[in-house]
Structures are given as structure tokens and as C-alpha cells.
Amino acid sequence: MARAAKAPRVWQRMLSGRRLDLIDPSPVDVEIEDIAHGLARVARWNGQTKGPHAFSVAQHSLLVDAIALALQPDLSPQAQAMVLLHDAPEYVVGDMISPFKAVLGGDYKSVENRLLAAIHLRFGLPPTTPKPVALIAKQADKIAAWYEATVLAGFLREEADSFFGEPPRLTLKIGPHLQPQAAQVAQDAFLARFRAIDAALKA
């Protein structure tokens, strides 16, 4: 008699001991320490960046957070949390470059959205990012991508303009945010920023 095929594993074990199910992620299995650890070790641009270290998604998230605040200084703590966590699902699924996402299509996005909803709920945020916050996060994300592309990833300015749009002038000094950091440094910085926002949320 043939043995039944074993169901594939659809969960990932985290260093915290949590097992996060990718099909049906539970907020109970989300820990900010796991997110920070993972994002600090996921490379932006598939690792094709200048410097002695990868430019991590944790650093990218902090850059987007800083740009969003430069664009809209009165962002609420709740909005700041959602901006900082805009790429948080990548601690599980990695940072798929845009061309590969286009090849995969909608299935990838649905997994990402379920993970983001679970992450939001874990930290007392709306499961879906409200449109005004999503718009400011997207704008800041595109500006961050332009600077990362031209400073770190070898894009010509004209190329970056065509993909991300020419960025507006900002009072924010971008340079310090574009220095690739060791994973532990980026992890600690991400955790510190999240905890500051979380303290403001609970105040």
C-alpha cells in the first residue's frame, strides 16, 4: 500500500522559538526581535550594493521612516509604526527584487499581505494600512529606492529617475543613512526605533 504524501512544511521556525505559518500567520507568533534579526540579515538589491556589508532591509526601513517624517513631520506614532514595518514580511519571505515579483504575480503579494496583517495586529495596528499612510510610505519608499539605486546599486541618475521618479529636495541628510552596517548594528538600530515608536503609542 502506497504511503500518503507528506504535507509540505509551510511554517518557519524563528530564533525566539516561534513557528510562523506562512499560509495562516498568527499574530501570536510574531515577535519584534525576530523581525529585527531577520530584516538586518536580508540584503536589499539582492546584495548587489557597494560597501563591506550588505545594505539590509532593516536599514532601508529606517531610511524610509526618516524620509516619511521629513515629508510629513506630524505623522502619528501609529502611522510611524506602519511606515517602519512596511517591509516587515520580508523577515520571513526575503526581499524579492521587483522583476522577480512581476514574474511570480499575485500569489506572492497575497502571502505578503497576510503576513503584514498578522504583524500589524500583533502590535495593535490596523490589519490593513490606511490609504493616507500607505501613500506616504510609498512616496518615502520610492525616494529611498532612488538614493539606494544611485549611491549603492550602480544605477545612473537617468535610470533611477525612470524607475522611481526624481526625488524632491529634502532637509534630511540622506548620506548617513546610506552607510551599509554590520547586521547586529542594523538590528539594534531597528529595535531601538521600533521601541521608541511603541513607547509613544502606549503613552
C-alpha atoms as a PDB file:
ATOM      1  CA  MET A   1       0.000   0.000   0.000  1.00  0.00           C
ATOM      2  CA  ALA A   2       1.441   3.366  -1.042  1.00  0.00           C
ATOM      3  CA  ARG A   3       2.152   5.818   1.745  1.00  0.00           C
ATOM      4  CA  ALA A   4       0.292   9.116   1.601  1.00  0.00           C
ATOM      5  CA  ALA A   5       2.450  12.034   0.532  1.00  0.00           C
ATOM      6  CA  LYS A   6       3.649  14.089   3.456  1.00  0.00           C
ATOM      7  CA  ALA A   7       2.237  17.606   3.516  1.00  0.00           C
ATOM      8  CA  PRO A   8       4.919  20.234   2.859  1.00  0.00           C
ATOM      9  CA  ARG A   9       6.108  22.365   5.763  1.00  0.00           C
ATOM     10  CA  VAL A  10       4.629  25.852   5.463  1.00  0.00           C
ATOM     11  CA  TRP A  11       5.988  27.348   8.681  1.00  0.00           C
ATOM     12  CA  GLN A  12       9.330  28.845   9.592  1.00  0.00           C
ATOM     13  CA  ARG A  13      10.961  28.435  12.973  1.00  0.00           C
ATOM     14  CA  MET A  14      12.269  31.669  14.438  1.00  0.00           C
ATOM     15  CA  LEU A  15      15.164  32.045  16.859  1.00  0.00           C
ATOM     16  CA  SER A  16      12.634  33.069  19.505  1.00  0.00           C
ATOM     17  CA  GLY A  17      11.186  29.562  19.193  1.00  0.00           C
ATOM     18  CA  ARG A  18       8.037  30.741  17.418  1.00  0.00           C
ATOM     19  CA  ARG A  19       6.785  28.830  14.374  1.00  0.00           C
ATOM     20  CA  LEU A  20       5.190  31.224  11.910  1.00  0.00           C
ATOM     21  CA  ASP A  21       2.766  29.682   9.429  1.00  0.00           C
ATOM     22  CA  LEU A  22       3.005  31.348   6.014  1.00  0.00           C
ATOM     23  CA  ILE A  23      -0.464  30.213   4.923  1.00  0.00           C
ATOM     24  CA  ASP A  24      -2.281  31.294   8.069  1.00  0.00           C
ATOM     25  CA  PRO A  25       0.093  33.508  10.088  1.00  0.00           C
ATOM     26  CA  SER A  26      -0.959  34.203  13.671  1.00  0.00           C
ATOM     27  CA  PRO A  27      -0.123  37.488  15.422  1.00  0.00           C
ATOM     28  CA  VAL A  28       0.740  35.376  18.476  1.00  0.00           C
ATOM     29  CA  ASP A  29       3.763  34.002  16.591  1.00  0.00           C
ATOM     30  CA  VAL A  30       5.153  37.430  15.658  1.00  0.00           C
ATOM     31  CA  GLU A  31       7.981  38.907  17.753  1.00  0.00           C
ATOM     32  CA  ILE A  32       9.707  42.225  17.046  1.00  0.00           C
ATOM     33  CA  GLU A  33      13.085  40.680  17.917  1.00  0.00           C
ATOM     34  CA  ASP A  34      12.612  38.081  15.162  1.00  0.00           C
ATOM     35  CA  ILE A  35      11.616  40.808  12.700  1.00  0.00           C
ATOM     36  CA  ALA A  36      14.647  42.949  13.534  1.00  0.00           C
ATOM     37  CA  HIS A  37      17.002  39.965  13.399  1.00  0.00           C
ATOM     38  CA  GLY A  38      15.673  38.817  10.033  1.00  0.00           C
ATOM     39  CA  LEU A  39      15.468  42.221   8.336  1.00  0.00           C
ATOM     40  CA  ALA A  40      19.027  43.071   9.406  1.00  0.00           C
ATOM     41  CA  ARG A  41      20.212  39.969   7.535  1.00  0.00           C
ATOM     42  CA  VAL A  42      18.154  40.372   4.354  1.00  0.00           C
ATOM     43  CA  ALA A  43      20.012  42.289   1.649  1.00  0.00           C
ATOM     44  CA  ARG A  44      18.422  44.955  -0.496  1.00  0.00           C
ATOM     45  CA  TRP A  45      19.091  44.797  -4.265  1.00  0.00           C
ATOM     46  CA  ASN A  46      19.949  41.088  -3.994  1.00  0.00           C
ATOM     47  CA  GLY A  47      23.194  42.103  -2.301  1.00  0.00           C
ATOM     48  CA  GLN A  48      24.398  43.981  -5.401  1.00  0.00           C
ATOM     49  CA  THR A  49      25.454  47.057  -3.451  1.00  0.00           C
ATOM     50  CA  LYS A  50      28.724  48.792  -2.633  1.00  0.00           C
ATOM     51  CA  GLY A  51      30.403  48.538   0.738  1.00  0.00           C
ATOM     52  CA  PRO A  52      31.848  45.974   3.153  1.00  0.00           C
ATOM     53  CA  HIS A  53      28.382  44.942   4.346  1.00  0.00           C
ATOM     54  CA  ALA A  54      25.055  44.296   2.664  1.00  0.00           C
ATOM     55  CA  PHE A  55      22.615  47.187   2.784  1.00  0.00           C
ATOM     56  CA  SER A  56      19.846  45.483   4.727  1.00  0.00           C
ATOM     57  CA  VAL A  57      16.090  45.793   4.709  1.00  0.00           C
ATOM     58  CA  ALA A  58      16.380  46.956   8.336  1.00  0.00           C
ATOM     59  CA  GLN A  59      18.462  49.926   7.175  1.00  0.00           C
ATOM     60  CA  HIS A  60      16.089  50.561   4.279  1.00  0.00           C
ATOM     61  CA  SER A  61      13.145  50.581   6.700  1.00  0.00           C
ATOM     62  CA  LEU A  62      14.881  53.147   8.900  1.00  0.00           C
ATOM     63  CA  LEU A  63      15.638  55.287   5.837  1.00  0.00           C
ATOM     64  CA  VAL A  64      12.008  55.168   4.697  1.00  0.00           C
ATOM     65  CA  ASP A  65      10.912  56.064   8.236  1.00  0.00           C
ATOM     66  CA  ALA A  66      13.257  59.078   8.287  1.00  0.00           C
ATOM     67  CA  ILE A  67      12.147  60.264   4.835  1.00  0.00           C
ATOM     68  CA  ALA A  68       8.452  59.906   5.735  1.00  0.00           C
ATOM     69  CA  LEU A  69       8.983  62.092   8.797  1.00  0.00           C
ATOM     70  CA  ALA A  70      10.882  64.644   6.699  1.00  0.00           C
ATOM     71  CA  LEU A  71       7.950  64.749   4.271  1.00  0.00           C
ATOM     72  CA  GLN A  72       5.287  64.817   6.993  1.00  0.00           C
ATOM     73  CA  PRO A  73       6.679  65.744  10.426  1.00  0.00           C
ATOM     74  CA  ASP A  74       3.275  65.407  12.120  1.00  0.00           C
ATOM     75  CA  LEU A  75       2.917  61.667  11.384  1.00  0.00           C
ATOM     76  CA  SER A  76       1.221  59.969  14.302  1.00  0.00           C
ATOM     77  CA  PRO A  77       3.073  57.225  16.214  1.00  0.00           C
ATOM     78  CA  GLN A  78       0.654  54.696  14.707  1.00  0.00           C
ATOM     79  CA  ALA A  79       1.496  55.882  11.190  1.00  0.00           C
ATOM     80  CA  GLN A  80       5.210  55.864  12.017  1.00  0.00           C
ATOM     81  CA  ALA A  81       4.938  52.254  13.178  1.00  0.00           C
ATOM     82  CA  MET A  82       3.244  51.196   9.946  1.00  0.00           C
ATOM     83  CA  VAL A  83       5.853  53.012   7.854  1.00  0.00           C
ATOM     84  CA  LEU A  84       8.721  51.388   9.756  1.00  0.00           C
ATOM     85  CA  LEU A  85       7.094  47.968   9.348  1.00  0.00           C
ATOM     86  CA  HIS A  86       6.149  48.411   5.673  1.00  0.00           C
ATOM     87  CA  ASP A  87       8.624  45.702   4.595  1.00  0.00           C
ATOM     88  CA  ALA A  88       8.403  43.604   7.761  1.00  0.00           C
ATOM     89  CA  PRO A  89       7.074  40.472   5.949  1.00  0.00           C
ATOM     90  CA  GLU A  90      10.492  40.214   4.344  1.00  0.00           C
ATOM     91  CA  TYR A  91      11.883  38.824   7.588  1.00  0.00           C
ATOM     92  CA  VAL A  92      10.070  35.646   6.522  1.00  0.00           C
ATOM     93  CA  VAL A  93       9.960  35.738   2.707  1.00  0.00           C
ATOM     94  CA  GLY A  94      13.120  37.729   1.958  1.00  0.00           C
ATOM     95  CA  ASP A  95      13.433  40.777  -0.282  1.00  0.00           C
ATOM     96  CA  MET A  96      12.295  39.703  -3.720  1.00  0.00           C
ATOM     97  CA  ILE A  97      13.524  42.149  -6.333  1.00  0.00           C
ATOM     98  CA  SER A  98      10.755  43.856  -8.308  1.00  0.00           C
ATOM     99  CA  PRO A  99      11.416  41.954 -11.573  1.00  0.00           C
ATOM    100  CA  PHE A 100      11.029  38.618  -9.770  1.00  0.00           C
ATOM    101  CA  LYS A 101       7.806  39.786  -8.069  1.00  0.00           C
ATOM    102  CA  ALA A 102       6.452  40.628 -11.520  1.00  0.00           C
ATOM    103  CA  VAL A 103       7.239  37.088 -12.667  1.00  0.00           C
ATOM    104  CA  LEU A 104       5.588  35.492  -9.615  1.00  0.00           C
ATOM    105  CA  GLY A 105       2.424  37.568  -9.876  1.00  0.00           C
ATOM    106  CA  GLY A 106      -0.385  37.879  -7.324  1.00  0.00           C
ATOM    107  CA  ASP A 107       0.289  34.787  -5.198  1.00  0.00           C
ATOM    108  CA  TYR A 108       3.411  36.337  -3.717  1.00  0.00           C
ATOM    109  CA  LYS A 109       1.564  39.531  -2.836  1.00  0.00           C
ATOM    110  CA  SER A 110      -1.240  37.640  -1.083  1.00  0.00           C
ATOM    111  CA  VAL A 111       1.262  35.854   1.173  1.00  0.00           C
ATOM    112  CA  GLU A 112       2.977  39.161   1.902  1.00  0.00           C
ATOM    113  CA  ASN A 113      -0.334  40.854   2.749  1.00  0.00           C
ATOM    114  CA  ARG A 114      -1.364  38.079   5.159  1.00  0.00           C
ATOM    115  CA  LEU A 115       1.971  38.342   6.928  1.00  0.00           C
ATOM    116  CA  LEU A 116       1.732  42.127   7.168  1.00  0.00           C
ATOM    117  CA  ALA A 117      -1.786  41.912   8.614  1.00  0.00           C
ATOM    118  CA  ALA A 118      -0.587  39.480  11.309  1.00  0.00           C
ATOM    119  CA  ILE A 119       2.365  41.758  12.106  1.00  0.00           C
ATOM    120  CA  HIS A 120       0.108  44.803  12.387  1.00  0.00           C
ATOM    121  CA  LEU A 121      -2.346  43.016  14.661  1.00  0.00           C
ATOM    122  CA  ARG A 122       0.487  41.819  16.907  1.00  0.00           C
ATOM    123  CA  PHE A 123       1.398  45.431  17.631  1.00  0.00           C
ATOM    124  CA  GLY A 124      -2.113  46.858  17.889  1.00  0.00           C
ATOM    125  CA  LEU A 125      -2.210  48.367  14.401  1.00  0.00           C
ATOM    126  CA  PRO A 126      -4.981  48.133  11.779  1.00  0.00           C
ATOM    127  CA  PRO A 127      -4.584  44.933   9.716  1.00  0.00           C
ATOM    128  CA  THR A 128      -4.594  46.976   6.502  1.00  0.00           C
ATOM    129  CA  THR A 129      -2.563  50.163   6.221  1.00  0.00           C
ATOM    130  CA  PRO A 130      -4.918  53.154   5.827  1.00  0.00           C
ATOM    131  CA  LYS A 131      -4.613  54.765   2.404  1.00  0.00           C
ATOM    132  CA  PRO A 132      -3.053  58.093   3.563  1.00  0.00           C
ATOM    133  CA  VAL A 133      -0.337  56.194   5.455  1.00  0.00           C
ATOM    134  CA  ALA A 134       0.196  53.786   2.550  1.00  0.00           C
ATOM    135  CA  LEU A 135       0.654  56.767   0.215  1.00  0.00           C
ATOM    136  CA  ILE A 136       3.283  58.480   2.390  1.00  0.00           C
ATOM    137  CA  ALA A 137       5.065  55.146   2.907  1.00  0.00           C
ATOM    138  CA  LYS A 138       5.089  54.525  -0.857  1.00  0.00           C
ATOM    139  CA  GLN A 139       6.404  58.010  -1.593  1.00  0.00           C
ATOM    140  CA  ALA A 140       9.158  57.652   1.013  1.00  0.00           C
ATOM    141  CA  ASP A 141       9.939  54.143  -0.265  1.00  0.00           C
ATOM    142  CA  LYS A 142      10.429  55.403  -3.826  1.00  0.00           C
ATOM    143  CA  ILE A 143      12.669  58.237  -2.655  1.00  0.00           C
ATOM    144  CA  ALA A 144      14.717  55.779  -0.593  1.00  0.00           C
ATOM    145  CA  ALA A 145      14.976  53.439  -3.582  1.00  0.00           C
ATOM    146  CA  TRP A 146      16.233  56.296  -5.798  1.00  0.00           C
ATOM    147  CA  TYR A 147      19.043  57.136  -3.373  1.00  0.00           C
ATOM    148  CA  GLU A 148      19.927  53.497  -2.762  1.00  0.00           C
ATOM    149  CA  ALA A 149      19.962  52.828  -6.507  1.00  0.00           C
ATOM    150  CA  THR A 150      22.242  55.743  -7.389  1.00  0.00           C
ATOM    151  CA  VAL A 151      24.559  55.683  -4.356  1.00  0.00           C
ATOM    152  CA  LEU A 152      24.813  51.960  -3.656  1.00  0.00           C
ATOM    153  CA  ALA A 153      23.472  49.862  -6.543  1.00  0.00           C
ATOM    154  CA  GLY A 154      25.226  51.355  -9.573  1.00  0.00           C
ATOM    155  CA  PHE A 155      22.213  52.962 -11.292  1.00  0.00           C
ATOM    156  CA  LEU A 156      22.677  56.070 -13.409  1.00  0.00           C
ATOM    157  CA  ARG A 157      20.558  59.011 -12.294  1.00  0.00           C
ATOM    158  CA  GLU A 158      18.567  58.816 -15.529  1.00  0.00           C
ATOM    159  CA  GLU A 159      17.781  55.148 -14.882  1.00  0.00           C
ATOM    160  CA  ALA A 160      16.699  55.839 -11.321  1.00  0.00           C
ATOM    161  CA  ASP A 161      14.540  58.743 -12.497  1.00  0.00           C
ATOM    162  CA  SER A 162      12.745  56.478 -14.960  1.00  0.00           C
ATOM    163  CA  PHE A 163      12.029  53.763 -12.400  1.00  0.00           C
ATOM    164  CA  PHE A 164      11.431  55.721  -9.197  1.00  0.00           C
ATOM    165  CA  GLY A 165      10.898  59.343 -10.245  1.00  0.00           C
ATOM    166  CA  GLU A 166      13.237  62.232  -9.467  1.00  0.00           C
ATOM    167  CA  PRO A 167      13.170  62.737  -5.682  1.00  0.00           C
ATOM    168  CA  PRO A 168      12.125  66.037  -4.126  1.00  0.00           C
ATOM    169  CA  ARG A 169      14.569  68.156  -2.162  1.00  0.00           C
ATOM    170  CA  LEU A 170      14.643  67.144   1.494  1.00  0.00           C
ATOM    171  CA  THR A 171      16.038  68.803   4.586  1.00  0.00           C
ATOM    172  CA  LEU A 172      17.059  65.317   5.739  1.00  0.00           C
ATOM    173  CA  LYS A 173      20.721  64.401   5.328  1.00  0.00           C
ATOM    174  CA  ILE A 174      20.485  61.153   3.373  1.00  0.00           C
ATOM    175  CA  GLY A 175      24.185  60.257   3.339  1.00  0.00           C
ATOM    176  CA  PRO A 176      24.489  58.867   6.883  1.00  0.00           C
ATOM    177  CA  HIS A 177      21.511  56.559   6.229  1.00  0.00           C
ATOM    178  CA  LEU A 178      23.270  55.001   3.217  1.00  0.00           C
ATOM    179  CA  GLN A 179      26.310  53.609   5.030  1.00  0.00           C
ATOM    180  CA  PRO A 180      25.946  49.789   4.961  1.00  0.00           C
ATOM    181  CA  GLN A 181      26.157  48.434   8.503  1.00  0.00           C
ATOM    182  CA  ALA A 182      27.017  45.147  10.146  1.00  0.00           C
ATOM    183  CA  ALA A 183      23.891  43.076  10.779  1.00  0.00           C
ATOM    184  CA  GLN A 184      23.961  43.487  14.560  1.00  0.00           C
ATOM    185  CA  VAL A 185      24.293  47.272  14.302  1.00  0.00           C
ATOM    186  CA  ALA A 186      21.322  47.491  11.919  1.00  0.00           C
ATOM    187  CA  GLN A 187      19.310  45.106  14.100  1.00  0.00           C
ATOM    188  CA  ASP A 188      19.906  47.189  17.222  1.00  0.00           C
ATOM    189  CA  ALA A 189      19.053  50.436  15.418  1.00  0.00           C
ATOM    190  CA  PHE A 190      15.801  48.986  14.064  1.00  0.00           C
ATOM    191  CA  LEU A 191      14.807  47.676  17.503  1.00  0.00           C
ATOM    192  CA  ALA A 192      15.612  50.995  19.162  1.00  0.00           C
ATOM    193  CA  ARG A 193      13.474  52.917  16.660  1.00  0.00           C
ATOM    194  CA  PHE A 194      10.566  50.490  16.979  1.00  0.00           C
ATOM    195  CA  ARG A 195      10.674  50.669  20.772  1.00  0.00           C
ATOM    196  CA  ALA A 196      10.680  54.467  20.699  1.00  0.00           C
ATOM    197  CA  ILE A 197       7.600  54.474  18.468  1.00  0.00           C
ATOM    198  CA  ASP A 198       5.934  51.775  20.580  1.00  0.00           C
ATOM    199  CA  ALA A 199       6.527  53.805  23.747  1.00  0.00           C
ATOM    200  CA  ALA A 200       4.877  56.819  22.091  1.00  0.00           C
ATOM    201  CA  LEU A 201       1.940  54.622  21.057  1.00  0.00           C
ATOM    202  CA  LYS A 202       1.440  53.483  24.625  1.00  0.00           C
ATOM    203  CA  ALA A 203       1.930  56.887  26.222  1.00  0.00           C
END
